Amino acid sequence: MNMKKLLILLGIGALLFALPAWGEGDFELDEQRVYSGMGRSYLQGYAPTVKGNELTVILPVLSDRAQGAIEAEVVPHDMAHSPIKPQTFKKSVKRENFRFGKEKVSAYRVAFKLKLHTDRQNGEYPFSVVVTGKDEQGQLLSQTFELEAAITDGQAGHKPQPVIQSARIQDGYIQAGTQGILRLELKNQSDYRTAELLSAVISEAEGNLIPAEGDWVELGRLAAGEEKSIEVKLLAPPKAEAGLHTLKIVLNYQDAQGTEGTLTQNFPVEVRKSVRLEHSDPSLPIKVTQGETPAFRMDLMNMGASVLSNVLLKFDLPGLSSGGSVLVGAINPGETRQANANFRVDQQALGPVQGGVTISYEDEYGQHHEQTLDLSTTIEQKKAAPVAVEEGQEEEQGEALKLAPEIALGIIAALAAALIVQGIVLRKKIRRLEEKNL
């Protein structure tokens, strides 16, 4: 037996006890010991054997929980293409004691001799053995074991047919300068042959996409008709060009006899530039007055690598009207544009105002973005204007002011004359009194 065949057999043996099952832990495959009818242990690569038109399957099962006999049933994965004839696939198996040298083992030796079609095709055919039983409390125990029947004495001609059904980036695209997840959906389209030692070489001609962990990816094996998903980390360097790039994937595989095969497939993967809009703090007065027209200003900076278009500002400030939205337009990478608006403060509004401004724009890929920033101010009452004076009244007041000094002088002169007269009268009265006393 050559090294390739040995590796394949060991891989099959490892697969048999590595796969999960119903009620995990209810039953255990004894992969270390060689029971009667087995040429080697499962650990050494045991596989069901074909002799004549009969397939022999030996499955030694251990369980600390099972009580009494168990039921075992063979379930072919694809009965339409299976080499196994329709027949009774279920049997009851009793627990037995086995001796291996000085060691005693209590186990269930599940053994099937299955009749095969005489016109069977060479290939590897997966099937399951479902084991069920009960514990001391009568609770159901169940376990499924996956096996494979290798037919080499039938009709030749079929080959493995692995294919990548799809290759998609997890988020739909990779941004330049970041890492993404490439999900490969694989299927072996052959109903007869297993694809062994499957691998993929992934590349992109211009270096816009690079496998993060090496361009060679091990994919394991694909049984006949099997499907599975594989995730590969993919890197887009910072200088990667935006757009669709062709990812080339070369599948390499072998059949069970070591015959090699290859398949090349191409898949489109999109790379995008970063989208990032920064802004200054929105500038709005802390206080405004009824009827006033305050100004608003904000700087918008394109810090990404994608052109931003249809940049638009919409305001929502109760009591303040902006006269509509403010269109800034397109902003190129590294460019700063200023957004300006004038508000009209409602004559009837008064007090604190809470609202915001919504910035919306589109990137180069047609995706819409928006963000809302809080805005606030306080509306104060408008002060009363001075009382207006009519033009005629103003002239009269002016003339009066001009005459005021002359009138004041007249009044002073009159008062002075009155005082002189009063003094003369008093002196006369005093003189008459003096003469009378004499």
Protein backbone atom coordinates (compact mmCIF):
# COMPACT_ATOMS: atom_id res chain seq x y z
CA MET A 1 0.00 0.00 0.00
CA ASN A 2 1.46 3.37 -1.03
CA MET A 3 1.58 6.41 1.26
CA LYS A 4 -1.32 8.23 -0.48
CA LYS A 5 -3.69 5.30 0.06
CA LEU A 6 -2.60 4.98 3.68
CA LEU A 7 -3.29 8.67 4.29
CA ILE A 8 -6.74 8.32 2.74
CA LEU A 9 -7.58 5.28 4.88
CA LEU A 10 -6.41 7.02 8.02
CA GLY A 11 -8.52 10.05 7.07
CA ILE A 12 -11.58 7.82 6.67
CA GLY A 13 -10.91 6.17 10.01
CA ALA A 14 -10.56 9.52 11.75
CA LEU A 15 -13.79 10.72 10.13
CA LEU A 16 -15.76 7.80 11.52
CA PHE A 17 -15.38 8.77 15.15
CA ALA A 18 -14.88 12.52 14.75
CA LEU A 19 -18.35 13.34 13.40
CA PRO A 20 -21.08 14.44 15.84
CA ALA A 21 -24.24 12.43 16.42
CA TRP A 22 -27.69 12.52 18.01
CA GLY A 23 -27.48 12.53 21.82
CA GLU A 24 -23.72 12.94 21.80
CA GLY A 25 -22.05 10.62 24.31
CA ASP A 26 -24.83 8.00 24.53
CA PHE A 27 -22.69 5.48 22.59
CA GLU A 28 -19.00 5.41 21.75
CA LEU A 29 -17.16 3.75 18.89
CA ASP A 30 -14.39 1.46 20.10
CA GLU A 31 -11.75 2.60 17.63
CA GLN A 32 -8.76 1.03 19.43
CA ARG A 33 -9.56 -2.69 19.40
CA VAL A 34 -9.80 -5.25 16.59
CA TYR A 35 -12.96 -7.36 16.86
CA SER A 36 -13.69 -10.55 14.96
CA GLY A 37 -14.32 -9.83 11.27
CA MET A 38 -12.05 -6.76 11.31
CA GLY A 39 -8.58 -6.76 9.77
CA ARG A 40 -7.58 -3.62 11.71
CA SER A 41 -8.98 -1.18 14.25
CA TYR A 42 -10.82 1.99 13.26
CA LEU A 43 -7.84 3.95 14.54
CA GLN A 44 -5.70 2.07 12.01
CA GLY A 45 -8.15 2.79 9.19
CA TYR A 46 -10.74 0.00 9.23
CA ALA A 47 -13.30 0.20 6.41
CA PRO A 48 -16.21 -2.08 5.50
CA THR A 49 -15.09 -4.93 3.20
CA VAL A 50 -16.53 -6.34 0.00
CA LYS A 51 -16.44 -10.05 -0.85
CA GLY A 52 -18.40 -11.35 -3.77
CA ASN A 53 -21.71 -9.51 -3.77
CA GLU A 54 -21.72 -8.83 -0.05
CA LEU A 55 -20.61 -5.86 2.09
CA THR A 56 -19.50 -6.64 5.64
CA VAL A 57 -19.76 -3.88 8.23
CA ILE A 58 -18.42 -4.30 11.78
CA LEU A 59 -19.18 -1.52 14.29
CA PRO A 60 -18.04 -2.13 17.92
CA VAL A 61 -20.03 0.14 20.25
CA LEU A 62 -19.41 0.93 23.93
CA SER A 63 -21.90 2.40 26.42
CA ASP A 64 -21.96 2.79 30.19
CA ARG A 65 -25.59 3.87 30.14
CA ALA A 66 -27.36 1.43 27.81
CA GLN A 67 -29.30 -1.43 29.42
CA GLY A 68 -30.22 -4.61 27.56
CA ALA A 69 -30.16 -4.98 23.78
CA ILE A 70 -29.81 -2.08 21.35
CA GLU A 71 -31.18 -1.46 17.85
CA ALA A 72 -28.88 -0.72 14.90
CA GLU A 73 -30.03 0.48 11.48
CA VAL A 74 -28.12 1.09 8.23
CA VAL A 75 -29.19 4.24 6.35
CA PRO A 76 -27.66 4.75 2.86
CA HIS A 77 -27.26 8.46 2.04
CA ASP A 78 -28.33 8.06 -1.60
CA MET A 79 -30.32 4.90 -2.15
CA ALA A 80 -30.81 5.67 -5.85
CA HIS A 81 -27.06 5.36 -6.53
CA SER A 82 -26.07 3.09 -3.65
CA PRO A 83 -24.48 -0.30 -4.48
CA ILE A 84 -26.49 -1.79 -1.59
CA LYS A 85 -29.69 -3.58 -2.52
CA PRO A 86 -32.97 -2.79 -0.73
CA GLN A 87 -33.18 -5.21 2.19
CA THR A 88 -33.71 -5.33 5.93
CA PHE A 89 -31.42 -2.68 7.37
CA LYS A 90 -32.33 -3.00 11.05
CA LYS A 91 -31.29 -5.54 13.68
CA SER A 92 -31.16 -6.05 17.46
CA VAL A 93 -27.76 -6.47 19.10
CA LYS A 94 -27.04 -7.86 22.59
CA ARG A 95 -24.24 -6.76 24.87
CA GLU A 96 -21.30 -9.23 24.96
CA ASN A 97 -18.07 -9.64 26.89
CA PHE A 98 -14.91 -9.69 24.77
CA ARG A 99 -11.36 -10.57 25.78
CA PHE A 100 -8.30 -8.84 24.30
CA GLY A 101 -5.33 -10.56 25.90
CA LYS A 102 -5.80 -9.97 29.62
CA GLU A 103 -8.30 -7.18 29.04
CA LYS A 104 -12.05 -7.76 29.23
CA VAL A 105 -14.42 -5.40 27.43
CA SER A 106 -18.23 -5.23 27.55
CA ALA A 107 -19.45 -4.02 24.12
CA TYR A 108 -22.07 -4.30 21.41
CA ARG A 109 -20.60 -5.83 18.25
CA VAL A 110 -22.86 -4.50 15.50
CA ALA A 111 -22.34 -6.61 12.36
CA PHE A 112 -24.12 -6.39 9.01
CA LYS A 113 -23.72 -8.46 5.85
CA LEU A 114 -25.40 -6.39 3.14
CA LYS A 115 -26.25 -7.67 -0.34
CA LEU A 116 -24.82 -5.64 -3.23
CA HIS A 117 -25.99 -5.03 -6.80
CA THR A 118 -24.09 -7.11 -9.34
CA ASP A 119 -23.84 -4.12 -11.72
CA ARG A 120 -22.49 -1.78 -9.08
CA GLN A 121 -20.25 1.13 -9.97
CA ASN A 122 -16.82 1.69 -8.50
CA GLY A 123 -16.84 4.48 -5.95
CA GLU A 124 -17.09 5.51 -2.32
CA TYR A 125 -20.61 5.49 -0.89
CA PRO A 126 -21.38 7.17 2.46
CA PHE A 127 -23.95 5.62 4.78
CA SER A 128 -24.94 5.90 8.44
CA VAL A 129 -25.47 3.38 11.20
CA VAL A 130 -28.03 4.66 13.71
CA VAL A 131 -27.80 3.03 17.15
CA THR A 132 -30.61 3.39 19.71
CA GLY A 133 -31.23 1.97 23.19
CA LYS A 134 -32.53 2.81 26.66
CA ASP A 135 -30.98 3.51 30.06
CA GLU A 136 -32.13 2.27 33.50
CA GLN A 137 -34.89 4.90 33.65
CA GLY A 138 -36.19 3.95 30.21
CA GLN A 139 -34.87 7.13 28.59
CA LEU A 140 -34.01 6.88 24.90
CA LEU A 141 -30.33 6.77 23.92
CA SER A 142 -29.29 7.44 20.34
CA GLN A 143 -26.11 7.90 18.31
CA THR A 144 -25.28 8.10 14.59
CA PHE A 145 -22.03 6.80 13.14
CA GLU A 146 -20.93 7.83 9.63
CA LEU A 147 -19.18 5.21 7.46
CA GLU A 148 -18.28 4.72 3.84
CA ALA A 149 -18.39 1.71 1.56
CA ALA A 150 -15.54 1.59 -0.99
CA ILE A 151 -16.39 -0.42 -4.11
CA THR A 152 -13.39 -1.34 -6.28
CA ASP A 153 -14.62 -4.49 -8.05
CA GLY A 154 -17.46 -2.89 -10.00
CA GLN A 155 -17.78 -0.95 -13.23
CA ALA A 156 -15.23 1.85 -13.70
CA GLY A 157 -15.58 5.24 -15.37
CA HIS A 158 -16.78 7.69 -12.76
CA LYS A 159 -14.58 10.41 -11.28
CA PRO A 160 -14.95 12.87 -8.41
CA GLN A 161 -16.58 16.14 -9.49
CA PRO A 162 -15.83 18.78 -6.86
CA VAL A 163 -17.09 22.26 -7.75
CA ILE A 164 -17.33 25.64 -6.06
CA GLN A 165 -21.01 26.51 -6.28
CA SER A 166 -20.46 30.06 -5.05
CA ALA A 167 -17.75 32.33 -3.67
CA ARG A 168 -19.12 35.33 -1.81
CA ILE A 169 -17.68 38.00 0.46
CA GLN A 170 -19.45 38.04 3.81
CA ASP A 171 -20.51 41.72 3.62
CA GLY A 172 -20.82 41.81 -0.16
CA TYR A 173 -17.52 43.66 -0.68
CA ILE A 174 -14.09 44.28 0.86
CA GLN A 175 -13.01 47.80 1.74
CA ALA A 176 -9.50 48.71 0.64
CA GLY A 177 -7.12 48.44 3.57
CA THR A 178 -9.25 45.88 5.43
CA GLN A 179 -9.77 42.13 5.66
CA GLY A 180 -12.91 40.24 4.67
CA ILE A 181 -14.28 36.71 4.83
CA LEU A 182 -14.65 34.76 1.59
CA ARG A 183 -17.20 31.94 1.94
CA LEU A 184 -16.80 29.04 -0.49
CA GLU A 185 -19.78 26.72 -1.02
CA LEU A 186 -18.39 23.36 -2.20
CA LYS A 187 -20.17 20.33 -3.58
CA ASN A 188 -19.06 16.99 -4.96
CA GLN A 189 -21.43 16.52 -7.89
CA SER A 190 -20.41 12.92 -8.32
CA ASP A 191 -22.87 10.35 -6.92
CA TYR A 192 -20.13 7.71 -6.80
CA ARG A 193 -16.64 9.04 -6.07
CA THR A 194 -15.13 10.88 -3.11
CA ALA A 195 -12.78 13.81 -3.71
CA GLU A 196 -9.73 13.21 -1.51
CA LEU A 197 -6.99 15.63 -0.43
CA LEU A 198 -8.97 18.57 -1.78
CA SER A 199 -7.17 21.94 -1.82
CA ALA A 200 -7.51 25.35 -3.46
CA VAL A 201 -5.02 27.91 -4.76
CA ILE A 202 -6.50 31.44 -4.64
CA SER A 203 -5.09 34.44 -6.52
CA GLU A 204 -5.93 37.80 -8.15
CA ALA A 205 -3.72 38.89 -11.04
CA GLU A 206 -3.21 42.56 -10.07
CA GLY A 207 -2.71 42.14 -6.32
CA ASN A 208 -5.96 43.84 -5.33
CA LEU A 209 -6.98 40.75 -3.34
CA ILE A 210 -4.60 38.58 -1.32
CA PRO A 211 -5.39 35.48 0.82
CA ALA A 212 -4.45 36.58 4.33
CA GLU A 213 -3.08 33.18 5.42
CA GLY A 214 -1.39 32.05 2.19
CA ASP A 215 -2.71 31.33 -1.27
CA TRP A 216 -2.92 27.55 -0.66
CA VAL A 217 -5.96 26.41 1.34
CA GLU A 218 -6.58 22.84 2.52
CA LEU A 219 -10.24 21.81 2.04
CA GLY A 220 -10.22 18.20 3.33
CA ARG A 221 -12.41 15.67 1.54
CA LEU A 222 -15.83 15.64 -0.11
CA ALA A 223 -17.80 12.42 -0.09
CA ALA A 224 -20.04 11.58 -3.02
CA GLY A 225 -22.85 14.16 -3.15
CA GLU A 226 -21.53 16.01 -0.08
CA GLU A 227 -21.78 19.79 0.35
CA LYS A 228 -19.89 22.00 2.78
CA SER A 229 -18.83 25.60 3.42
CA ILE A 230 -15.27 26.87 3.83
CA GLU A 231 -14.27 30.34 5.03
CA VAL A 232 -11.08 32.01 3.78
CA LYS A 233 -9.67 35.32 5.04
CA LEU A 234 -9.10 37.72 2.16
CA LEU A 235 -7.15 40.99 2.32
CA ALA A 236 -7.56 44.08 0.13
CA PRO A 237 -4.38 46.25 0.44
CA PRO A 238 -4.81 50.00 1.08
CA LYS A 239 -3.82 50.75 -2.53
CA ALA A 240 -6.31 48.27 -4.01
CA GLU A 241 -8.34 49.72 -6.87
CA ALA A 242 -12.09 50.09 -6.36
CA GLY A 243 -14.31 47.94 -8.56
CA LEU A 244 -14.91 44.31 -9.47
CA HIS A 245 -11.84 42.06 -9.55
CA THR A 246 -11.54 38.49 -10.79
CA LEU A 247 -10.61 35.97 -8.13
CA LYS A 248 -9.08 32.82 -9.60
CA ILE A 249 -9.54 29.59 -7.63
CA VAL A 250 -7.84 26.36 -8.71
CA LEU A 251 -9.18 23.18 -7.07
CA ASN A 252 -6.83 20.20 -6.79
CA TYR A 253 -8.00 16.74 -5.66
CA GLN A 254 -7.50 12.98 -5.96
CA ASP A 255 -9.74 9.97 -6.09
CA ALA A 256 -9.31 7.01 -3.73
CA GLN A 257 -6.76 5.43 -6.07
CA GLY A 258 -4.59 8.55 -6.12
CA THR A 259 -5.61 9.78 -9.58
CA GLU A 260 -5.27 13.55 -9.58
CA GLY A 261 -7.72 16.09 -10.94
CA THR A 262 -7.96 19.87 -11.17
CA LEU A 263 -10.65 22.50 -11.78
CA THR A 264 -10.23 26.26 -12.32
CA GLN A 265 -13.03 28.71 -11.57
CA ASN A 266 -13.24 32.53 -11.56
CA PHE A 267 -15.42 34.68 -9.31
CA PRO A 268 -15.99 38.46 -9.16
CA VAL A 269 -15.17 40.19 -5.87
CA GLU A 270 -15.88 43.88 -5.28
CA VAL A 271 -13.40 46.24 -3.62
CA ARG A 272 -14.61 49.59 -2.34
CA LYS A 273 -12.88 52.71 -1.10
CA SER A 274 -13.54 53.98 2.41
CA VAL A 275 -16.48 56.32 3.05
CA ARG A 276 -15.99 58.84 5.87
CA LEU A 277 -17.52 62.29 6.34
CA GLU A 278 -16.32 64.47 9.21
CA HIS A 279 -17.68 67.88 10.27
CA SER A 280 -16.97 70.85 12.50
CA ASP A 281 -19.26 71.78 15.37
CA PRO A 282 -22.42 73.40 13.97
CA SER A 283 -22.31 77.17 14.58
CA LEU A 284 -25.59 78.66 15.83
CA PRO A 285 -25.92 81.63 18.26
CA ILE A 286 -26.65 80.68 21.85
CA LYS A 287 -29.41 83.33 21.95
CA VAL A 288 -31.56 84.80 19.19
CA THR A 289 -34.30 87.45 19.19
CA GLN A 290 -37.82 87.33 17.82
CA GLY A 291 -37.78 88.47 14.18
CA GLU A 292 -33.98 88.20 13.95
CA THR A 293 -32.15 86.43 11.04
CA PRO A 294 -29.22 84.52 12.63
CA ALA A 295 -26.64 82.71 10.46
CA PHE A 296 -25.60 79.01 10.58
CA ARG A 297 -22.26 77.61 9.44
CA MET A 298 -20.63 74.18 9.34
CA ASP A 299 -17.50 72.75 7.67
CA LEU A 300 -17.87 69.32 6.01
CA MET A 301 -14.70 67.30 5.39
CA ASN A 302 -14.40 64.17 3.21
CA MET A 303 -11.85 62.07 5.11
CA GLY A 304 -12.48 58.90 3.06
CA ALA A 305 -11.35 57.79 -0.38
CA SER A 306 -14.76 57.83 -2.07
CA VAL A 307 -16.42 60.85 -3.70
CA LEU A 308 -19.49 61.96 -1.74
CA SER A 309 -22.35 63.37 -3.78
CA ASN A 310 -25.68 65.10 -3.13
CA VAL A 311 -24.55 66.26 0.31
CA LEU A 312 -27.67 67.85 1.81
CA LEU A 313 -28.54 69.51 5.14
CA LYS A 314 -32.10 69.47 6.51
CA PHE A 315 -33.00 71.47 9.62
CA ASP A 316 -35.60 70.82 12.29
CA LEU A 317 -35.69 73.79 14.71
CA PRO A 318 -39.13 74.77 16.08
CA GLY A 319 -39.54 78.54 15.87
CA LEU A 320 -36.75 78.99 13.32
CA SER A 321 -37.26 78.76 9.58
CA SER A 322 -34.29 78.08 7.27
CA GLY A 323 -36.16 78.59 4.02
CA GLY A 324 -35.59 74.94 2.96
CA SER A 325 -32.72 72.43 2.75
CA VAL A 326 -29.13 73.42 2.02
CA LEU A 327 -27.47 71.54 -0.86
CA VAL A 328 -23.69 71.39 -0.53
CA GLY A 329 -23.25 69.13 -3.57
CA ALA A 330 -20.27 66.84 -4.20
CA ILE A 331 -17.20 66.64 -1.95
CA ASN A 332 -14.06 65.00 -3.31
CA PRO A 333 -11.68 62.94 -1.12
CA GLY A 334 -9.61 65.29 1.07
CA GLU A 335 -11.84 68.29 0.27
CA THR A 336 -13.61 70.58 2.75
CA ARG A 337 -16.86 72.36 1.87
CA GLN A 338 -18.74 74.93 3.92
CA ALA A 339 -22.49 74.77 4.51
CA ASN A 340 -24.24 78.10 5.25
CA ALA A 341 -27.84 78.91 6.10
CA ASN A 342 -29.85 81.88 7.42
CA PHE A 343 -32.77 81.40 9.78
CA ARG A 344 -35.82 83.60 10.38
CA VAL A 345 -36.90 83.64 14.02
CA ASP A 346 -40.66 83.49 14.52
CA GLN A 347 -42.16 86.70 16.03
CA GLN A 348 -44.34 84.61 18.35
CA ALA A 349 -41.76 82.00 19.47
CA LEU A 350 -40.11 82.37 22.87
CA GLY A 351 -37.83 80.35 25.14
CA PRO A 352 -35.48 77.33 24.70
CA VAL A 353 -35.44 75.55 21.33
CA GLN A 354 -34.25 71.94 20.83
CA GLY A 355 -33.83 70.47 17.35
CA GLY A 356 -31.21 69.24 14.93
CA VAL A 357 -29.68 69.14 11.48
CA THR A 358 -29.61 65.95 9.36
CA ILE A 359 -26.67 65.51 6.98
CA SER A 360 -27.34 63.08 4.12
CA TYR A 361 -25.19 62.03 1.16
CA GLU A 362 -24.45 59.20 -1.29
CA ASP A 363 -21.18 57.38 -1.88
CA GLU A 364 -19.76 56.21 -5.22
CA TYR A 365 -21.62 52.90 -4.88
CA GLY A 366 -25.10 54.42 -4.64
CA GLN A 367 -25.51 53.79 -0.93
CA HIS A 368 -27.32 56.43 1.11
CA HIS A 369 -25.83 57.70 4.39
CA GLU A 370 -27.16 60.13 6.95
CA GLN A 371 -26.47 61.40 10.43
CA THR A 372 -28.32 63.84 12.71
CA LEU A 373 -26.65 66.42 14.97
CA ASP A 374 -28.35 68.19 17.86
CA LEU A 375 -28.92 71.96 17.70
CA SER A 376 -30.23 74.28 20.40
CA THR A 377 -30.70 77.99 21.11
CA THR A 378 -32.90 80.31 23.16
CA ILE A 379 -35.37 82.78 21.64
CA GLU A 380 -35.57 86.07 23.57
CA GLN A 381 -38.34 88.64 23.45
CA LYS A 382 -37.85 91.59 21.13
CA LYS A 383 -37.34 94.95 22.98
CA ALA A 384 -39.96 97.77 22.46
CA ALA A 385 -38.87 100.53 20.00
CA PRO A 386 -38.87 104.32 21.07
CA VAL A 387 -42.22 106.19 20.55
CA ALA A 388 -42.24 108.03 17.23
CA VAL A 389 -42.93 111.84 17.08
CA GLU A 390 -44.81 113.39 14.16
CA GLU A 391 -42.95 115.93 12.04
CA GLY A 392 -45.25 118.93 12.92
CA GLN A 393 -45.06 118.24 16.62
CA GLU A 394 -41.30 118.03 16.36
CA GLU A 395 -41.12 121.54 14.79
CA GLU A 396 -43.41 123.01 17.47
CA GLN A 397 -41.27 121.46 20.17
CA GLY A 398 -38.21 122.91 18.47
CA GLU A 399 -39.72 126.41 18.31
CA ALA A 400 -40.75 126.16 21.93
CA LEU A 401 -37.24 125.20 22.86
CA LYS A 402 -35.93 128.19 20.91
CA LEU A 403 -38.33 130.64 22.77
CA ALA A 404 -37.71 129.15 26.18
CA PRO A 405 -34.68 131.38 27.04
CA GLU A 406 -36.55 134.65 26.15
CA ILE A 407 -39.55 133.64 28.21
CA ALA A 408 -37.33 132.81 31.14
CA LEU A 409 -35.66 136.26 30.97
CA GLY A 410 -39.08 137.94 30.90
CA ILE A 411 -40.19 136.05 33.95
CA ILE A 412 -37.01 136.99 35.80
CA ALA A 413 -37.43 140.66 34.91
CA ALA A 414 -41.03 140.61 36.08
CA LEU A 415 -40.05 139.05 39.38
CA ALA A 416 -37.32 141.63 39.88
CA ALA A 417 -39.76 144.50 39.24
CA ALA A 418 -42.25 143.02 41.67
CA LEU A 419 -39.60 142.86 44.35
CA ILE A 420 -38.63 146.52 43.78
CA VAL A 421 -42.26 147.65 44.04
CA GLN A 422 -42.76 145.58 47.19
CA GLY A 423 -39.65 147.17 48.72
CA ILE A 424 -40.92 150.71 47.97
CA VAL A 425 -44.31 149.90 49.51
CA LEU A 426 -42.74 148.52 52.66
CA ARG A 427 -40.50 151.54 53.11
CA LYS A 428 -43.52 153.86 52.83
CA LYS A 429 -45.41 151.89 55.50
CA ILE A 430 -42.43 152.02 57.84
CA ARG A 431 -42.09 155.83 57.40
CA ARG A 432 -45.80 156.42 58.19
CA LEU A 433 -45.51 154.37 61.35
CA GLU A 434 -42.48 156.36 62.49
CA GLU A 435 -44.28 159.72 61.88
CA LYS A 436 -47.32 158.56 63.77
CA ASN A 437 -45.29 157.69 66.83
CA LEU A 438 -43.77 161.08 66.90
